[in-house]
PDB file of N, CA and C in Angstrom:
ATOM      1  N   UNK A   1     -18.579  14.550 -12.847  1.00  0.00           N
ATOM      2  CA  UNK A   1     -17.246  14.450 -12.759  1.00  0.00           C
ATOM      3  C   UNK A   1     -16.872  12.902 -12.548  1.00  0.00           C
ATOM      4  N   UNK A   2     -16.127  12.538 -13.319  1.00  0.00           N
ATOM      5  CA  UNK A   2     -15.886  11.188 -12.999  1.00  0.00           C
ATOM      6  C   UNK A   2     -14.500  10.885 -12.273  1.00  0.00           C
ATOM      7  N   UNK A   3     -14.346   9.985 -11.183  1.00  0.00           N
ATOM      8  CA  UNK A   3     -13.099  10.084 -10.548  1.00  0.00           C
ATOM      9  C   UNK A   3     -12.543   8.591 -10.476  1.00  0.00           C
ATOM     10  N   UNK A   4     -11.321   8.214 -10.774  1.00  0.00           N
ATOM     11  CA  UNK A   4     -10.937   6.903 -10.801  1.00  0.00           C
ATOM     12  C   UNK A   4     -10.356   6.617  -9.525  1.00  0.00           C
ATOM     13  N   UNK A   5     -10.016   5.148  -9.297  1.00  0.00           N
ATOM     14  CA  UNK A   5      -9.825   4.724  -7.869  1.00  0.00           C
ATOM     15  C   UNK A   5      -8.346   5.420  -7.348  1.00  0.00           C
ATOM     16  N   UNK A   6      -7.357   5.639  -8.122  1.00  0.00           N
ATOM     17  CA  UNK A   6      -6.003   6.309  -7.682  1.00  0.00           C
ATOM     18  C   UNK A   6      -6.652   7.785  -7.190  1.00  0.00           C
ATOM     19  N   UNK A   7      -7.114   8.278  -8.104  1.00  0.00           N
ATOM     20  CA  UNK A   7      -7.625   9.790  -7.577  1.00  0.00           C
ATOM     21  C   UNK A   7      -8.470   9.843  -6.365  1.00  0.00           C
ATOM     22  N   UNK A   8      -9.372   8.816  -6.121  1.00  0.00           N
ATOM     23  CA  UNK A   8     -10.166   8.690  -4.870  1.00  0.00           C
ATOM     24  C   UNK A   8      -9.154   8.441  -3.553  1.00  0.00           C
ATOM     25  N   UNK A   9      -8.325   7.525  -3.856  1.00  0.00           N
ATOM     26  CA  UNK A   9      -7.326   7.156  -2.825  1.00  0.00           C
ATOM     27  C   UNK A   9      -6.603   8.586  -2.309  1.00  0.00           C
ATOM     28  N   UNK A  10      -5.723   8.939  -3.601  1.00  0.00           N
ATOM     29  CA  UNK A  10      -5.146  10.037  -3.411  1.00  0.00           C
ATOM     30  C   UNK A  10      -5.950  11.235  -2.622  1.00  0.00           C
ATOM     31  N   UNK A  11      -7.061  11.428  -2.746  1.00  0.00           N
ATOM     32  CA  UNK A  11      -7.910  12.450  -2.178  1.00  0.00           C
ATOM     33  C   UNK A  11      -8.030  12.146  -0.680  1.00  0.00           C
ATOM     34  N   UNK A  12      -8.155  10.937  -0.509  1.00  0.00           N
ATOM     35  CA  UNK A  12      -8.515  10.389   0.874  1.00  0.00           C
ATOM     36  C   UNK A  12      -7.339  10.417   1.598  1.00  0.00           C
ATOM     37  N   UNK A  13      -6.145  10.411   1.241  1.00  0.00           N
ATOM     38  CA  UNK A  13      -5.015  10.634   2.203  1.00  0.00           C
ATOM     39  C   UNK A  13      -4.177  12.120   2.021  1.00  0.00           C
ATOM     40  N   UNK A  14      -4.459  12.744   1.059  1.00  0.00           N
ATOM     41  CA  UNK A  14      -4.045  14.136   0.934  1.00  0.00           C
ATOM     42  C   UNK A  14      -4.466  14.870   2.422  1.00  0.00           C
ATOM     43  N   UNK A  15      -3.284  15.414   2.688  1.00  0.00           N
ATOM     44  CA  UNK A  15      -3.254  16.291   3.895  1.00  0.00           C
ATOM     45  C   UNK A  15      -2.961  15.443   5.205  1.00  0.00           C
ATOM     46  N   UNK A  16      -3.004  14.081   5.296  1.00  0.00           N
ATOM     47  CA  UNK A  16      -2.899  13.462   6.338  1.00  0.00           C
ATOM     48  C   UNK A  16      -1.485  13.472   7.007  1.00  0.00           C
ATOM     49  N   UNK A  17      -1.268  13.281   8.235  1.00  0.00           N
ATOM     50  CA  UNK A  17       0.197  13.461   8.845  1.00  0.00           C
ATOM     51  C   UNK A  17       0.561  11.846   8.848  1.00  0.00           C
ATOM     52  N   UNK A  18       1.641  11.580   9.568  1.00  0.00           N
ATOM     53  CA  UNK A  18       2.230  10.168   9.342  1.00  0.00           C
ATOM     54  C   UNK A  18       1.565   9.346  10.176  1.00  0.00           C
ATOM     55  N   UNK A  19       0.829   9.828  11.538  1.00  0.00           N
ATOM     56  CA  UNK A  19       0.209   9.034  12.241  1.00  0.00           C
ATOM     57  C   UNK A  19      -1.192   8.573  11.511  1.00  0.00           C
ATOM     58  N   UNK A  20      -1.878   9.472  10.910  1.00  0.00           N
ATOM     59  CA  UNK A  20      -3.065   9.225  10.225  1.00  0.00           C
ATOM     60  C   UNK A  20      -2.915   8.315   9.092  1.00  0.00           C
ATOM     61  N   UNK A  21      -1.764   8.442   8.202  1.00  0.00           N
ATOM     62  CA  UNK A  21      -1.332   7.519   7.286  1.00  0.00           C
ATOM     63  C   UNK A  21      -1.422   5.943   7.802  1.00  0.00           C
ATOM     64  N   UNK A  22      -0.609   5.908   8.933  1.00  0.00           N
ATOM     65  CA  UNK A  22      -0.316   4.662   9.523  1.00  0.00           C
ATOM     66  C   UNK A  22      -1.638   4.062  10.008  1.00  0.00           C
ATOM     67  N   UNK A  23      -2.659   4.853  10.502  1.00  0.00           N
ATOM     68  CA  UNK A  23      -3.772   4.241  10.840  1.00  0.00           C
ATOM     69  C   UNK A  23      -4.718   3.750   9.971  1.00  0.00           C
ATOM     70  N   UNK A  24      -4.536   4.839   8.847  1.00  0.00           N
ATOM     71  CA  UNK A  24      -5.190   4.326   7.415  1.00  0.00           C
ATOM     72  C   UNK A  24      -4.908   2.793   7.045  1.00  0.00           C
ATOM     73  N   UNK A  25      -3.541   2.758   6.990  1.00  0.00           N
ATOM     74  CA  UNK A  25      -3.105   1.502   6.523  1.00  0.00           C
ATOM     75  C   UNK A  25      -3.152   0.211   7.298  1.00  0.00           C
ATOM     76  N   UNK A  26      -2.939   0.617   8.763  1.00  0.00           N
ATOM     77  CA  UNK A  26      -3.219  -0.655   9.609  1.00  0.00           C
ATOM     78  C   UNK A  26      -4.802  -0.848   9.625  1.00  0.00           C
ATOM     79  N   UNK A  27      -5.543   0.116   9.565  1.00  0.00           N
ATOM     80  CA  UNK A  27      -7.092   0.030   9.534  1.00  0.00           C
ATOM     81  C   UNK A  27      -7.505  -0.881   8.332  1.00  0.00           C
ATOM     82  N   UNK A  28      -6.599  -0.955   7.197  1.00  0.00           N
ATOM     83  CA  UNK A  28      -7.229  -1.560   6.157  1.00  0.00           C
ATOM     84  C   UNK A  28      -6.518  -3.103   6.018  1.00  0.00           C
ATOM     85  N   UNK A  29      -5.347  -3.352   6.630  1.00  0.00           N
ATOM     86  CA  UNK A  29      -4.813  -4.511   6.662  1.00  0.00           C
ATOM     87  C   UNK A  29      -5.756  -5.406   7.432  1.00  0.00           C
ATOM     88  N   UNK A  30      -6.072  -6.630   6.777  1.00  0.00           N
ATOM     89  CA  UNK A  30      -6.882  -7.887   7.652  1.00  0.00           C
ATOM     90  C   UNK A  30      -8.187  -7.488   7.577  1.00  0.00           C
ATOM     91  N   UNK A  31      -8.765  -6.341   6.988  1.00  0.00           N
ATOM     92  CA  UNK A  31     -10.187  -6.313   7.045  1.00  0.00           C
ATOM     93  C   UNK A  31     -10.889  -6.646   5.620  1.00  0.00           C
ATOM     94  N   UNK A  32     -11.922  -6.020   5.355  1.00  0.00           N
ATOM     95  CA  UNK A  32     -12.520  -6.477   4.053  1.00  0.00           C
ATOM     96  C   UNK A  32     -11.795  -6.224   2.862  1.00  0.00           C
ATOM     97  N   UNK A  33     -11.998  -7.071   2.009  1.00  0.00           N
ATOM     98  CA  UNK A  33     -11.150  -7.065   0.682  1.00  0.00           C
ATOM     99  C   UNK A  33     -11.447  -5.806  -0.067  1.00  0.00           C
ATOM    100  N   UNK A  34     -12.478  -5.031   0.303  1.00  0.00           N
ATOM    101  CA  UNK A  34     -12.530  -3.859  -0.506  1.00  0.00           C
ATOM    102  C   UNK A  34     -11.338  -2.899  -0.393  1.00  0.00           C
ATOM    103  N   UNK A  35     -10.913  -3.063   0.789  1.00  0.00           N
ATOM    104  CA  UNK A  35      -9.579  -2.126   1.375  1.00  0.00           C
ATOM    105  C   UNK A  35      -8.316  -2.465   0.657  1.00  0.00           C
ATOM    106  N   UNK A  36      -8.203  -3.679  -0.043  1.00  0.00           N
ATOM    107  CA  UNK A  36      -7.052  -4.074  -0.737  1.00  0.00           C
ATOM    108  C   UNK A  36      -6.777  -3.198  -2.025  1.00  0.00           C
ATOM    109  N   UNK A  37      -7.693  -2.878  -2.790  1.00  0.00           N
ATOM    110  CA  UNK A  37      -7.242  -2.012  -3.942  1.00  0.00           C
ATOM    111  C   UNK A  37      -6.572  -0.635  -3.637  1.00  0.00           C
ATOM    112  N   UNK A  38      -7.273  -0.080  -2.330  1.00  0.00           N
ATOM    113  CA  UNK A  38      -6.578   1.146  -1.869  1.00  0.00           C
ATOM    114  C   UNK A  38      -5.219   1.009  -1.231  1.00  0.00           C
ATOM    115  N   UNK A  39      -4.818  -0.307  -0.772  1.00  0.00           N
ATOM    116  CA  UNK A  39      -3.435  -0.315  -0.208  1.00  0.00           C
ATOM    117  C   UNK A  39      -2.877  -0.572  -1.474  1.00  0.00           C
ATOM    118  N   UNK A  40      -3.203  -1.202  -2.605  1.00  0.00           N
ATOM    119  CA  UNK A  40      -2.370  -1.287  -3.916  1.00  0.00           C
ATOM    120  C   UNK A  40      -1.917  -0.020  -4.228  1.00  0.00           C
ATOM    121  N   UNK A  41      -2.965   1.112  -4.413  1.00  0.00           N
ATOM    122  CA  UNK A  41      -2.662   2.264  -4.737  1.00  0.00           C
ATOM    123  C   UNK A  41      -1.587   3.056  -3.857  1.00  0.00           C
ATOM    124  N   UNK A  42      -1.622   2.561  -2.560  1.00  0.00           N
ATOM    125  CA  UNK A  42      -0.482   3.466  -1.613  1.00  0.00           C
ATOM    126  C   UNK A  42       0.647   2.587  -1.842  1.00  0.00           C
ATOM    127  N   UNK A  43       0.726   1.264  -2.333  1.00  0.00           N
ATOM    128  CA  UNK A  43       1.958   0.605  -2.546  1.00  0.00           C
ATOM    129  C   UNK A  43       2.551   1.169  -3.710  1.00  0.00           C
ATOM    130  N   UNK A  44       1.703   1.373  -4.637  1.00  0.00           N
ATOM    131  CA  UNK A  44       1.964   1.827  -6.059  1.00  0.00           C
ATOM    132  C   UNK A  44       3.102   3.327  -5.765  1.00  0.00           C
ATOM    133  N   UNK A  45       2.665   4.114  -4.684  1.00  0.00           N
ATOM    134  CA  UNK A  45       2.867   5.471  -4.523  1.00  0.00           C
ATOM    135  C   UNK A  45       4.443   5.183  -4.263  1.00  0.00           C
ATOM    136  N   UNK A  46       4.374   4.219  -2.998  1.00  0.00           N
ATOM    137  CA  UNK A  46       5.703   4.065  -2.425  1.00  0.00           C
ATOM    138  C   UNK A  46       6.626   3.214  -3.493  1.00  0.00           C
ATOM    139  N   UNK A  47       6.256   2.494  -4.269  1.00  0.00           N
ATOM    140  CA  UNK A  47       6.948   1.695  -5.053  1.00  0.00           C
ATOM    141  C   UNK A  47       7.767   2.727  -6.024  1.00  0.00           C
ATOM    142  N   UNK A  48       6.870   3.552  -6.432  1.00  0.00           N
ATOM    143  CA  UNK A  48       7.126   4.674  -7.645  1.00  0.00           C
ATOM    144  C   UNK A  48       8.189   5.573  -6.993  1.00  0.00           C
ATOM    145  N   UNK A  49       8.235   5.857  -5.794  1.00  0.00           N
ATOM    146  CA  UNK A  49       9.326   6.885  -4.978  1.00  0.00           C
ATOM    147  C   UNK A  49      10.512   6.070  -4.253  1.00  0.00           C
ATOM    148  N   UNK A  50      10.508   4.763  -4.458  1.00  0.00           N
ATOM    149  CA  UNK A  50      11.811   3.826  -3.890  1.00  0.00           C
ATOM    150  C   UNK A  50      13.122   3.678  -4.595  1.00  0.00           C
ATOM    151  N   UNK A  51      14.095   3.621  -4.044  1.00  0.00           N
ATOM    152  CA  UNK A  51      15.131   3.382  -4.851  1.00  0.00           C
ATOM    153  C   UNK A  51      15.383   1.957  -5.349  1.00  0.00           C
ATOM    154  N   UNK A  52      16.050   1.643  -6.224  1.00  0.00           N
ATOM    155  CA  UNK A  52      16.223  -0.019  -6.557  1.00  0.00           C
ATOM    156  C   UNK A  52      16.560  -0.898  -5.331  1.00  0.00           C
ATOM    157  N   UNK A  53      17.454  -0.390  -4.526  1.00  0.00           N
ATOM    158  CA  UNK A  53      17.687  -1.048  -3.169  1.00  0.00           C
ATOM    159  C   UNK A  53      16.496  -1.202  -2.379  1.00  0.00           C
ATOM    160  N   UNK A  54      15.740  -0.340  -2.144  1.00  0.00           N
ATOM    161  CA  UNK A  54      14.295  -0.248  -1.436  1.00  0.00           C
ATOM    162  C   UNK A  54      13.395  -1.435  -2.113  1.00  0.00           C
ATOM    163  N   UNK A  55      13.301  -1.180  -3.475  1.00  0.00           N
ATOM    164  CA  UNK A  55      12.475  -2.185  -4.383  1.00  0.00           C
ATOM    165  C   UNK A  55      12.874  -3.661  -4.150  1.00  0.00           C
ATOM    166  N   UNK A  56      14.280  -3.879  -4.178  1.00  0.00           N
ATOM    167  CA  UNK A  56      14.865  -5.138  -4.018  1.00  0.00           C
ATOM    168  C   UNK A  56      14.463  -5.701  -2.738  1.00  0.00           C
ATOM    169  N   UNK A  57      14.561  -4.972  -1.602  1.00  0.00           N
ATOM    170  CA  UNK A  57      14.243  -5.535  -0.388  1.00  0.00           C
ATOM    171  C   UNK A  57      12.712  -5.649  -0.209  1.00  0.00           C
ATOM    172  N   UNK A  58      11.800  -4.887  -0.952  1.00  0.00           N
ATOM    173  CA  UNK A  58      10.522  -5.333  -0.703  1.00  0.00           C
ATOM    174  C   UNK A  58      10.122  -6.532  -1.518  1.00  0.00           C
ATOM    175  N   UNK A  59      10.850  -6.712  -2.586  1.00  0.00           N
ATOM    176  CA  UNK A  59      10.414  -7.951  -3.372  1.00  0.00           C
ATOM    177  C   UNK A  59      11.137  -9.091  -2.662  1.00  0.00           C
ATOM    178  N   UNK A  60      12.301  -9.042  -2.086  1.00  0.00           N
ATOM    179  CA  UNK A  60      12.662 -10.215  -0.979  1.00  0.00           C
ATOM    180  C   UNK A  60      11.752 -10.373  -0.009  1.00  0.00           C
ATOM    181  N   UNK A  61      11.611  -9.612   0.799  1.00  0.00           N
ATOM    182  CA  UNK A  61      10.321  -9.628   1.628  1.00  0.00           C
ATOM    183  C   UNK A  61       9.309 -10.355   1.286  1.00  0.00           C
ATOM    184  N   UNK A  62       8.858  -9.720   0.231  1.00  0.00           N
ATOM    185  CA  UNK A  62       7.547 -10.644  -0.303  1.00  0.00           C
ATOM    186  C   UNK A  62       7.746 -11.901  -0.550  1.00  0.00           C
ATOM    187  N   UNK A  63       8.892 -12.479  -1.244  1.00  0.00           N
ATOM    188  CA  UNK A  63       9.404 -13.594  -1.814  1.00  0.00           C
ATOM    189  C   UNK A  63       9.278 -14.627  -0.414  1.00  0.00           C
ATOM    190  N   UNK A  64      10.205 -14.009   0.603  1.00  0.00           N
ATOM    191  CA  UNK A  64      10.253 -14.538   1.838  1.00  0.00           C
ATOM    192  C   UNK A  64       8.962 -15.114   2.467  1.00  0.00           C
ATOM    193  N   UNK A  65       8.003 -14.163   2.482  1.00  0.00           N
ATOM    194  CA  UNK A  65       6.585 -14.321   3.018  1.00  0.00           C
ATOM    195  C   UNK A  65       5.819 -15.590   2.229  1.00  0.00           C
ATOM    196  N   UNK A  66       5.997 -15.243   0.923  1.00  0.00           N
ATOM    197  CA  UNK A  66       5.342 -16.329   0.060  1.00  0.00           C
ATOM    198  C   UNK A  66       6.007 -17.526   0.500  1.00  0.00           C
ATOM    199  N   UNK A  67       7.019 -17.772   0.440  1.00  0.00           N
ATOM    200  CA  UNK A  67       7.559 -19.140   0.595  1.00  0.00           C
ATOM    201  C   UNK A  67       7.437 -19.714   1.951  1.00  0.00           C
ATOM    202  N   UNK A  68       7.203 -18.763   2.897  1.00  0.00           N
ATOM    203  CA  UNK A  68       7.219 -19.303   4.384  1.00  0.00           C
ATOM    204  C   UNK A  68       5.797 -19.918   4.273  1.00  0.00           C
ATOM    205  N   UNK A  69       4.710 -19.357   3.528  1.00  0.00           N
ATOM    206  CA  UNK A  69       3.413 -19.720   3.599  1.00  0.00           C
ATOM    207  C   UNK A  69       3.034 -21.106   2.867  1.00  0.00           C
ATOM    208  N   UNK A  70       4.178 -21.480   2.118  1.00  0.00           N
ATOM    209  CA  UNK A  70       4.100 -22.592   1.479  1.00  0.00           C
ATOM    210  C   UNK A  70       4.489 -23.800   2.252  1.00  0.00           C
ATOM    211  N   UNK A  71       5.272 -23.452   3.329  1.00  0.00           N
ATOM    212  CA  UNK A  71       6.102 -24.544   4.287  1.00  0.00           C
ATOM    213  C   UNK A  71       4.992 -25.195   5.089  1.00  0.00           C
TER     214      UNK A  71
END
């Protein structure tokens, strides 16, 4: 049976409570780059379930962060 990255990440986080999900996210940020695809899958889940207003806020936050790095 072949499993793709989205399925693997989904299985890893399935059934976790809010504190466990937060721990997984915080444990992945700033660590090995291997964790980045998993964060991308989680972000995709959040993005797909977000309103247009929430998406706009995420993009604005990202834009501000990227421009701050250039300064």
